[in-house]
Amino acid sequence: MPFVRIVTASQASGWTDWTMAFDGVSEGLNAFGEVTIDRARISSGVLSILYQEQSSGVTPSPVRLIDFSLNGDMSAIGVESHRLL
């Protein structure tokens, strides 16, 4: 989702119990627009998201990578952030 928002739902509920698992806005990531996901890492239990921070005026803004550790049912996440540029 835009702005690094992650929602989860359980198969047991028929995918109807959607909840916000991570909200980049409330966490202060300062991300804007769409993000890029490294889908290949999901099977190894890592959700990697590439995003760019908002800039002010014409000043270039940093590109960041944030890694989420997923458990088997994706109900819990751990977060590690990296500045790339």
PDB file of N, CA and C in Angstrom:
ATOM      1  N   MET A   1       0.847  -1.186   0.000  1.00  0.00           N
ATOM      2  CA  MET A   1       0.000   0.000   0.000  1.00  0.00           C
ATOM      3  C   MET A   1       0.889   1.245   0.000  1.00  0.00           C
ATOM      4  N   PRO A   2       0.361   2.362  -0.435  1.00  0.00           N
ATOM      5  CA  PRO A   2       1.151   3.589  -0.428  1.00  0.00           C
ATOM      6  C   PRO A   2       1.603   3.972   0.978  1.00  0.00           C
ATOM      7  N   PHE A   3       2.705   4.680   1.044  1.00  0.00           N
ATOM      8  CA  PHE A   3       3.226   5.237   2.291  1.00  0.00           C
ATOM      9  C   PHE A   3       3.683   4.161   3.274  1.00  0.00           C
ATOM     10  N   VAL A   4       3.991   2.977   2.789  1.00  0.00           N
ATOM     11  CA  VAL A   4       4.457   1.836   3.589  1.00  0.00           C
ATOM     12  C   VAL A   4       3.425   1.478   4.656  1.00  0.00           C
ATOM     13  N   ARG A   5       2.283   1.057   4.201  1.00  0.00           N
ATOM     14  CA  ARG A   5       1.238   0.545   5.085  1.00  0.00           C
ATOM     15  C   ARG A   5       1.064  -0.937   4.785  1.00  0.00           C
ATOM     16  N   ILE A   6       1.022  -1.755   5.838  1.00  0.00           N
ATOM     17  CA  ILE A   6       0.862  -3.196   5.680  1.00  0.00           C
ATOM     18  C   ILE A   6      -0.379  -3.627   6.447  1.00  0.00           C
ATOM     19  N   VAL A   7      -1.262  -4.345   5.757  1.00  0.00           N
ATOM     20  CA  VAL A   7      -2.458  -4.885   6.400  1.00  0.00           C
ATOM     21  C   VAL A   7      -2.402  -6.407   6.337  1.00  0.00           C
ATOM     22  N   THR A   8      -3.024  -7.050   7.312  1.00  0.00           N
ATOM     23  CA  THR A   8      -3.049  -8.512   7.359  1.00  0.00           C
ATOM     24  C   THR A   8      -4.473  -8.998   7.599  1.00  0.00           C
ATOM     25  N   ALA A   9      -4.714 -10.245   7.201  1.00  0.00           N
ATOM     26  CA  ALA A   9      -5.984 -10.923   7.471  1.00  0.00           C
ATOM     27  C   ALA A   9      -5.682 -12.404   7.609  1.00  0.00           C
ATOM     28  N   SER A  10      -6.554 -13.119   8.287  1.00  0.00           N
ATOM     29  CA  SER A  10      -6.316 -14.543   8.503  1.00  0.00           C
ATOM     30  C   SER A  10      -7.171 -15.397   7.575  1.00  0.00           C
ATOM     31  N   GLN A  11      -6.614 -16.523   7.184  1.00  0.00           N
ATOM     32  CA  GLN A  11      -7.357 -17.468   6.360  1.00  0.00           C
ATOM     33  C   GLN A  11      -8.545 -18.020   7.134  1.00  0.00           C
ATOM     34  N   ALA A  12      -8.367 -18.196   8.459  1.00  0.00           N
ATOM     35  CA  ALA A  12      -9.434 -18.748   9.302  1.00  0.00           C
ATOM     36  C   ALA A  12     -10.706 -17.898   9.260  1.00  0.00           C
ATOM     37  N   SER A  13     -10.553 -16.584   9.048  1.00  0.00           N
ATOM     38  CA  SER A  13     -11.719 -15.703   8.999  1.00  0.00           C
ATOM     39  C   SER A  13     -12.293 -15.591   7.590  1.00  0.00           C
ATOM     40  N   GLY A  14     -11.693 -16.304   6.652  1.00  0.00           N
ATOM     41  CA  GLY A  14     -12.103 -16.141   5.262  1.00  0.00           C
ATOM     42  C   GLY A  14     -11.582 -14.829   4.691  1.00  0.00           C
ATOM     43  N   TRP A  15     -10.479 -14.346   5.262  1.00  0.00           N
ATOM     44  CA  TRP A  15      -9.828 -13.105   4.822  1.00  0.00           C
ATOM     45  C   TRP A  15     -10.719 -11.883   5.039  1.00  0.00           C
ATOM     46  N   THR A  16     -11.490 -11.887   6.129  1.00  0.00           N
ATOM     47  CA  THR A  16     -12.383 -10.753   6.394  1.00  0.00           C
ATOM     48  C   THR A  16     -11.955  -9.910   7.596  1.00  0.00           C
ATOM     49  N   ASP A  17     -10.947 -10.345   8.350  1.00  0.00           N
ATOM     50  CA  ASP A  17     -10.551  -9.634   9.574  1.00  0.00           C
ATOM     51  C   ASP A  17      -9.331  -8.736   9.354  1.00  0.00           C
ATOM     52  N   TRP A  18      -9.402  -7.892   8.363  1.00  0.00           N
ATOM     53  CA  TRP A  18      -8.269  -7.040   8.000  1.00  0.00           C
ATOM     54  C   TRP A  18      -7.924  -6.070   9.128  1.00  0.00           C
ATOM     55  N   THR A  19      -6.626  -5.994   9.433  1.00  0.00           N
ATOM     56  CA  THR A  19      -6.129  -5.050  10.437  1.00  0.00           C
ATOM     57  C   THR A  19      -4.827  -4.436   9.939  1.00  0.00           C
ATOM     58  N   MET A  20      -4.549  -3.225  10.387  1.00  0.00           N
ATOM     59  CA  MET A  20      -3.302  -2.553  10.044  1.00  0.00           C
ATOM     60  C   MET A  20      -2.186  -3.140  10.907  1.00  0.00           C
ATOM     61  N   ALA A  21      -1.195  -3.761  10.263  1.00  0.00           N
ATOM     62  CA  ALA A  21      -0.068  -4.348  10.989  1.00  0.00           C
ATOM     63  C   ALA A  21       1.086  -3.359  11.114  1.00  0.00           C
ATOM     64  N   PHE A  22       1.204  -2.454  10.145  1.00  0.00           N
ATOM     65  CA  PHE A  22       2.267  -1.452  10.176  1.00  0.00           C
ATOM     66  C   PHE A  22       1.791  -0.245   9.401  1.00  0.00           C
ATOM     67  N   ASP A  23       1.963   0.942   9.976  1.00  0.00           N
ATOM     68  CA  ASP A  23       1.572   2.191   9.327  1.00  0.00           C
ATOM     69  C   ASP A  23       2.786   3.110   9.284  1.00  0.00           C
ATOM     70  N   GLY A  24       3.399   3.211   8.105  1.00  0.00           N
ATOM     71  CA  GLY A  24       4.584   4.040   7.950  1.00  0.00           C
ATOM     72  C   GLY A  24       4.352   5.499   8.284  1.00  0.00           C
ATOM     73  N   VAL A  25       3.137   5.982   8.103  1.00  0.00           N
ATOM     74  CA  VAL A  25       2.827   7.373   8.430  1.00  0.00           C
ATOM     75  C   VAL A  25       2.953   7.597   9.935  1.00  0.00           C
ATOM     76  N   SER A  26       2.291   6.752  10.726  1.00  0.00           N
ATOM     77  CA  SER A  26       2.350   6.931  12.183  1.00  0.00           C
ATOM     78  C   SER A  26       3.726   6.583  12.744  1.00  0.00           C
ATOM     79  N   GLU A  27       4.507   5.770  12.011  1.00  0.00           N
ATOM     80  CA  GLU A  27       5.875   5.422  12.437  1.00  0.00           C
ATOM     81  C   GLU A  27       6.893   6.480  12.033  1.00  0.00           C
ATOM     82  N   GLY A  28       6.451   7.496  11.272  1.00  0.00           N
ATOM     83  CA  GLY A  28       7.325   8.601  10.903  1.00  0.00           C
ATOM     84  C   GLY A  28       8.309   8.303   9.782  1.00  0.00           C
ATOM     85  N   LEU A  29       7.983   7.373   8.878  1.00  0.00           N
ATOM     86  CA  LEU A  29       8.903   7.040   7.792  1.00  0.00           C
ATOM     87  C   LEU A  29       9.048   8.159   6.768  1.00  0.00           C
ATOM     88  N   ASN A  30       8.082   9.042   6.679  1.00  0.00           N
ATOM     89  CA  ASN A  30       8.121  10.167   5.747  1.00  0.00           C
ATOM     90  C   ASN A  30       8.191   9.703   4.289  1.00  0.00           C
ATOM     91  N   ALA A  31       7.596   8.553   4.002  1.00  0.00           N
ATOM     92  CA  ALA A  31       7.577   8.019   2.635  1.00  0.00           C
ATOM     93  C   ALA A  31       6.471   8.684   1.841  1.00  0.00           C
ATOM     94  N   PHE A  32       6.659   8.736   0.523  1.00  0.00           N
ATOM     95  CA  PHE A  32       5.584   9.264  -0.310  1.00  0.00           C
ATOM     96  C   PHE A  32       5.358   8.344  -1.499  1.00  0.00           C
ATOM     97  N   GLY A  33       4.141   8.362  -2.011  1.00  0.00           N
ATOM     98  CA  GLY A  33       3.811   7.608  -3.206  1.00  0.00           C
ATOM     99  C   GLY A  33       3.852   6.103  -3.031  1.00  0.00           C
ATOM    100  N   GLU A  34       3.953   5.430  -4.163  1.00  0.00           N
ATOM    101  CA  GLU A  34       3.985   3.966  -4.172  1.00  0.00           C
ATOM    102  C   GLU A  34       5.357   3.465  -3.742  1.00  0.00           C
ATOM    103  N   VAL A  35       5.399   2.214  -3.355  1.00  0.00           N
ATOM    104  CA  VAL A  35       6.639   1.590  -2.916  1.00  0.00           C
ATOM    105  C   VAL A  35       6.937   0.392  -3.821  1.00  0.00           C
ATOM    106  N   THR A  36       8.167  -0.133  -3.740  1.00  0.00           N
ATOM    107  CA  THR A  36       8.552  -1.308  -4.508  1.00  0.00           C
ATOM    108  C   THR A  36       8.837  -2.445  -3.537  1.00  0.00           C
ATOM    109  N   ILE A  37       8.282  -3.625  -3.816  1.00  0.00           N
ATOM    110  CA  ILE A  37       8.439  -4.794  -2.948  1.00  0.00           C
ATOM    111  C   ILE A  37       9.329  -5.817  -3.636  1.00  0.00           C
ATOM    112  N   ASP A  38      10.257  -6.391  -2.881  1.00  0.00           N
ATOM    113  CA  ASP A  38      11.084  -7.490  -3.383  1.00  0.00           C
ATOM    114  C   ASP A  38      10.335  -8.785  -3.109  1.00  0.00           C
ATOM    115  N   ARG A  39       9.529  -9.215  -4.052  1.00  0.00           N
ATOM    116  CA  ARG A  39       8.663 -10.385  -3.868  1.00  0.00           C
ATOM    117  C   ARG A  39       9.455 -11.675  -3.678  1.00  0.00           C
ATOM    118  N   ALA A  40      10.650 -11.753  -4.213  1.00  0.00           N
ATOM    119  CA  ALA A  40      11.450 -12.976  -4.107  1.00  0.00           C
ATOM    120  C   ALA A  40      11.832 -13.301  -2.666  1.00  0.00           C
ATOM    121  N   ARG A  41      11.916 -12.296  -1.804  1.00  0.00           N
ATOM    122  CA  ARG A  41      12.326 -12.536  -0.423  1.00  0.00           C
ATOM    123  C   ARG A  41      11.177 -12.975   0.481  1.00  0.00           C
ATOM    124  N   ILE A  42       9.946 -12.828   0.045  1.00  0.00           N
ATOM    125  CA  ILE A  42       8.795 -13.183   0.881  1.00  0.00           C
ATOM    126  C   ILE A  42       8.826 -14.658   1.263  1.00  0.00           C
ATOM    127  N   SER A  43       9.203 -15.523   0.323  1.00  0.00           N
ATOM    128  CA  SER A  43       9.228 -16.965   0.614  1.00  0.00           C
ATOM    129  C   SER A  43      10.244 -17.323   1.687  1.00  0.00           C
ATOM    130  N   SER A  44      11.215 -16.455   1.928  1.00  0.00           N
ATOM    131  CA  SER A  44      12.193 -16.699   2.990  1.00  0.00           C
ATOM    132  C   SER A  44      11.816 -15.983   4.282  1.00  0.00           C
ATOM    133  N   GLY A  45      10.603 -15.424   4.343  1.00  0.00           N
ATOM    134  CA  GLY A  45      10.123 -14.794   5.567  1.00  0.00           C
ATOM    135  C   GLY A  45      10.537 -13.347   5.743  1.00  0.00           C
ATOM    136  N   VAL A  46      10.968 -12.698   4.658  1.00  0.00           N
ATOM    137  CA  VAL A  46      11.369 -11.292   4.728  1.00  0.00           C
ATOM    138  C   VAL A  46      10.586 -10.503   3.691  1.00  0.00           C
ATOM    139  N   LEU A  47       9.968  -9.421   4.132  1.00  0.00           N
ATOM    140  CA  LEU A  47       9.285  -8.503   3.230  1.00  0.00           C
ATOM    141  C   LEU A  47      10.158  -7.255   3.141  1.00  0.00           C
ATOM    142  N   SER A  48      10.807  -7.045   1.989  1.00  0.00           N
ATOM    143  CA  SER A  48      11.673  -5.883   1.763  1.00  0.00           C
ATOM    144  C   SER A  48      10.926  -4.854   0.929  1.00  0.00           C
ATOM    145  N   ILE A  49      10.910  -3.620   1.407  1.00  0.00           N
ATOM    146  CA  ILE A  49      10.199  -2.542   0.731  1.00  0.00           C
ATOM    147  C   ILE A  49      11.154  -1.384   0.488  1.00  0.00           C
ATOM    148  N   LEU A  50      11.229  -0.958  -0.771  1.00  0.00           N
ATOM    149  CA  LEU A  50      12.039   0.182  -1.170  1.00  0.00           C
ATOM    150  C   LEU A  50      11.121   1.389  -1.284  1.00  0.00           C
ATOM    151  N   TYR A  51      11.499   2.491  -0.653  1.00  0.00           N
ATOM    152  CA  TYR A  51      10.675   3.699  -0.733  1.00  0.00           C
ATOM    153  C   TYR A  51      11.560   4.927  -0.715  1.00  0.00           C
ATOM    154  N   GLN A  52      11.004   6.039  -1.152  1.00  0.00           N
ATOM    155  CA  GLN A  52      11.724   7.307  -1.124  1.00  0.00           C
ATOM    156  C   GLN A  52      11.038   8.241  -0.150  1.00  0.00           C
ATOM    157  N   GLU A  53      11.854   8.977   0.612  1.00  0.00           N
ATOM    158  CA  GLU A  53      11.296   9.960   1.530  1.00  0.00           C
ATOM    159  C   GLU A  53      10.834  11.182   0.752  1.00  0.00           C
ATOM    160  N   GLN A  54       9.907  11.908   1.340  1.00  0.00           N
ATOM    161  CA  GLN A  54       9.465  13.166   0.742  1.00  0.00           C
ATOM    162  C   GLN A  54      10.633  14.137   0.732  1.00  0.00           C
ATOM    163  N   SER A  55      10.686  14.986  -0.272  1.00  0.00           N
ATOM    164  CA  SER A  55      11.724  16.013  -0.318  1.00  0.00           C
ATOM    165  C   SER A  55      11.087  17.369  -0.066  1.00  0.00           C
ATOM    166  N   SER A  56      11.951  18.330   0.210  1.00  0.00           N
ATOM    167  CA  SER A  56      11.454  19.694   0.376  1.00  0.00           C
ATOM    168  C   SER A  56      11.987  20.520  -0.786  1.00  0.00           C
ATOM    169  N   GLY A  57      11.080  21.097  -1.539  1.00  0.00           N
ATOM    170  CA  GLY A  57      11.473  21.884  -2.695  1.00  0.00           C
ATOM    171  C   GLY A  57      12.114  21.035  -3.771  1.00  0.00           C
ATOM    172  N   VAL A  58      13.303  21.438  -4.227  1.00  0.00           N
ATOM    173  CA  VAL A  58      14.013  20.702  -5.270  1.00  0.00           C
ATOM    174  C   VAL A  58      15.158  19.859  -4.708  1.00  0.00           C
ATOM    175  N   THR A  59      15.253  19.765  -3.397  1.00  0.00           N
ATOM    176  CA  THR A  59      16.307  18.986  -2.752  1.00  0.00           C
ATOM    177  C   THR A  59      16.050  17.496  -2.936  1.00  0.00           C
ATOM    178  N   PRO A  60      17.051  16.743  -3.420  1.00  0.00           N
ATOM    179  CA  PRO A  60      16.866  15.292  -3.544  1.00  0.00           C
ATOM    180  C   PRO A  60      16.606  14.665  -2.172  1.00  0.00           C
ATOM    181  N   SER A  61      15.844  13.588  -2.159  1.00  0.00           N
ATOM    182  CA  SER A  61      15.529  12.940  -0.889  1.00  0.00           C
ATOM    183  C   SER A  61      16.081  11.520  -0.872  1.00  0.00           C
ATOM    184  N   PRO A  62      16.337  10.981   0.327  1.00  0.00           N
ATOM    185  CA  PRO A  62      16.916   9.642   0.447  1.00  0.00           C
ATOM    186  C   PRO A  62      15.978   8.541  -0.037  1.00  0.00           C
ATOM    187  N   VAL A  63      16.578   7.494  -0.573  1.00  0.00           N
ATOM    188  CA  VAL A  63      15.883   6.258  -0.888  1.00  0.00           C
ATOM    189  C   VAL A  63      16.225   5.283   0.221  1.00  0.00           C
ATOM    190  N   ARG A  64      15.230   4.588   0.753  1.00  0.00           N
ATOM    191  CA  ARG A  64      15.444   3.694   1.885  1.00  0.00           C
ATOM    192  C   ARG A  64      14.883   2.312   1.599  1.00  0.00           C
ATOM    193  N   LEU A  65      15.433   1.352   2.300  1.00  0.00           N
ATOM    194  CA  LEU A  65      14.954  -0.023   2.259  1.00  0.00           C
ATOM    195  C   LEU A  65      14.568  -0.405   3.671  1.00  0.00           C
ATOM    196  N   ILE A  66      13.374  -0.934   3.829  1.00  0.00           N
ATOM    197  CA  ILE A  66      12.927  -1.394   5.138  1.00  0.00           C
ATOM    198  C   ILE A  66      12.597  -2.877   5.026  1.00  0.00           C
ATOM    199  N   ASP A  67      13.124  -3.665   5.961  1.00  0.00           N
ATOM    200  CA  ASP A  67      12.904  -5.105   5.982  1.00  0.00           C
ATOM    201  C   ASP A  67      11.976  -5.473   7.124  1.00  0.00           C
ATOM    202  N   PHE A  68      10.988  -6.297   6.829  1.00  0.00           N
ATOM    203  CA  PHE A  68      10.064  -6.808   7.825  1.00  0.00           C
ATOM    204  C   PHE A  68      10.269  -8.308   7.949  1.00  0.00           C
ATOM    205  N   SER A  69      10.465  -8.797   9.173  1.00  0.00           N
ATOM    206  CA  SER A  69      10.544 -10.238   9.412  1.00  0.00           C
ATOM    207  C   SER A  69       9.137 -10.751   9.636  1.00  0.00           C
ATOM    208  N   LEU A  70       8.744 -11.740   8.849  1.00  0.00           N
ATOM    209  CA  LEU A  70       7.387 -12.264   8.917  1.00  0.00           C
ATOM    210  C   LEU A  70       7.392 -13.617   9.611  1.00  0.00           C
ATOM    211  N   ASN A  71       6.376 -13.879  10.430  1.00  0.00           N
ATOM    212  CA  ASN A  71       6.244 -15.231  10.971  1.00  0.00           C
ATOM    213  C   ASN A  71       5.350 -16.027  10.037  1.00  0.00           C
ATOM    214  N   GLY A  72       5.089 -17.276  10.347  1.00  0.00           N
ATOM    215  CA  GLY A  72       4.351 -18.151   9.446  1.00  0.00           C
ATOM    216  C   GLY A  72       2.987 -17.652   9.045  1.00  0.00           C
ATOM    217  N   ASP A  73       2.250 -16.996   9.940  1.00  0.00           N
ATOM    218  CA  ASP A  73       0.914 -16.527   9.573  1.00  0.00           C
ATOM    219  C   ASP A  73       0.880 -15.019   9.325  1.00  0.00           C
ATOM    220  N   MET A  74       2.023 -14.404   9.282  1.00  0.00           N
ATOM    221  CA  MET A  74       2.171 -12.978   9.007  1.00  0.00           C
ATOM    222  C   MET A  74       1.425 -12.100  10.002  1.00  0.00           C
ATOM    223  N   SER A  75       1.236 -12.574  11.229  1.00  0.00           N
ATOM    224  CA  SER A  75       0.526 -11.760  12.219  1.00  0.00           C
ATOM    225  C   SER A  75       1.472 -10.893  13.040  1.00  0.00           C
ATOM    226  N   ALA A  76       2.772 -11.149  12.956  1.00  0.00           N
ATOM    227  CA  ALA A  76       3.734 -10.340  13.701  1.00  0.00           C
ATOM    228  C   ALA A  76       4.881  -9.962  12.781  1.00  0.00           C
ATOM    229  N   ILE A  77       5.393  -8.746  12.957  1.00  0.00           N
ATOM    230  CA  ILE A  77       6.486  -8.291  12.116  1.00  0.00           C
ATOM    231  C   ILE A  77       7.561  -7.632  12.958  1.00  0.00           C
ATOM    232  N   GLY A  78       8.788  -7.753  12.508  1.00  0.00           N
ATOM    233  CA  GLY A  78       9.913  -7.007  13.074  1.00  0.00           C
ATOM    234  C   GLY A  78      10.421  -6.092  11.976  1.00  0.00           C
ATOM    235  N   VAL A  79      11.047  -4.979  12.333  1.00  0.00           N
ATOM    236  CA  VAL A  79      11.399  -3.974  11.345  1.00  0.00           C
ATOM    237  C   VAL A  79      12.880  -3.608  11.457  1.00  0.00           C
ATOM    238  N   GLU A  80      13.550  -3.488  10.294  1.00  0.00           N
ATOM    239  CA  GLU A  80      14.917  -2.982  10.217  1.00  0.00           C
ATOM    240  C   GLU A  80      14.978  -2.070   9.009  1.00  0.00           C
ATOM    241  N   SER A  81      15.472  -0.856   9.184  1.00  0.00           N
ATOM    242  CA  SER A  81      15.488   0.127   8.112  1.00  0.00           C
ATOM    243  C   SER A  81      16.921   0.440   7.704  1.00  0.00           C
ATOM    244  N   HIS A  82      17.149   0.693   6.400  1.00  0.00           N
ATOM    245  CA  HIS A  82      18.466   0.983   5.859  1.00  0.00           C
ATOM    246  C   HIS A  82      18.379   2.188   4.922  1.00  0.00           C
ATOM    247  N   ARG A  83      19.317   3.108   5.051  1.00  0.00           N
ATOM    248  CA  ARG A  83      19.382   4.222   4.098  1.00  0.00           C
ATOM    249  C   ARG A  83      20.263   3.798   2.933  1.00  0.00           C
ATOM    250  N   LEU A  84      19.771   3.930   1.710  1.00  0.00           N
ATOM    251  CA  LEU A  84      20.511   3.502   0.522  1.00  0.00           C
ATOM    252  C   LEU A  84      21.235   4.658  -0.150  1.00  0.00           C
ATOM    253  N   LEU A  85      20.634   5.810  -0.208  1.00  0.00           N
ATOM    254  CA  LEU A  85      21.261   6.970  -0.872  1.00  0.00           C
ATOM    255  C   LEU A  85      21.235   8.160   0.039  1.00  0.00           C
TER     256      LEU A  85
END
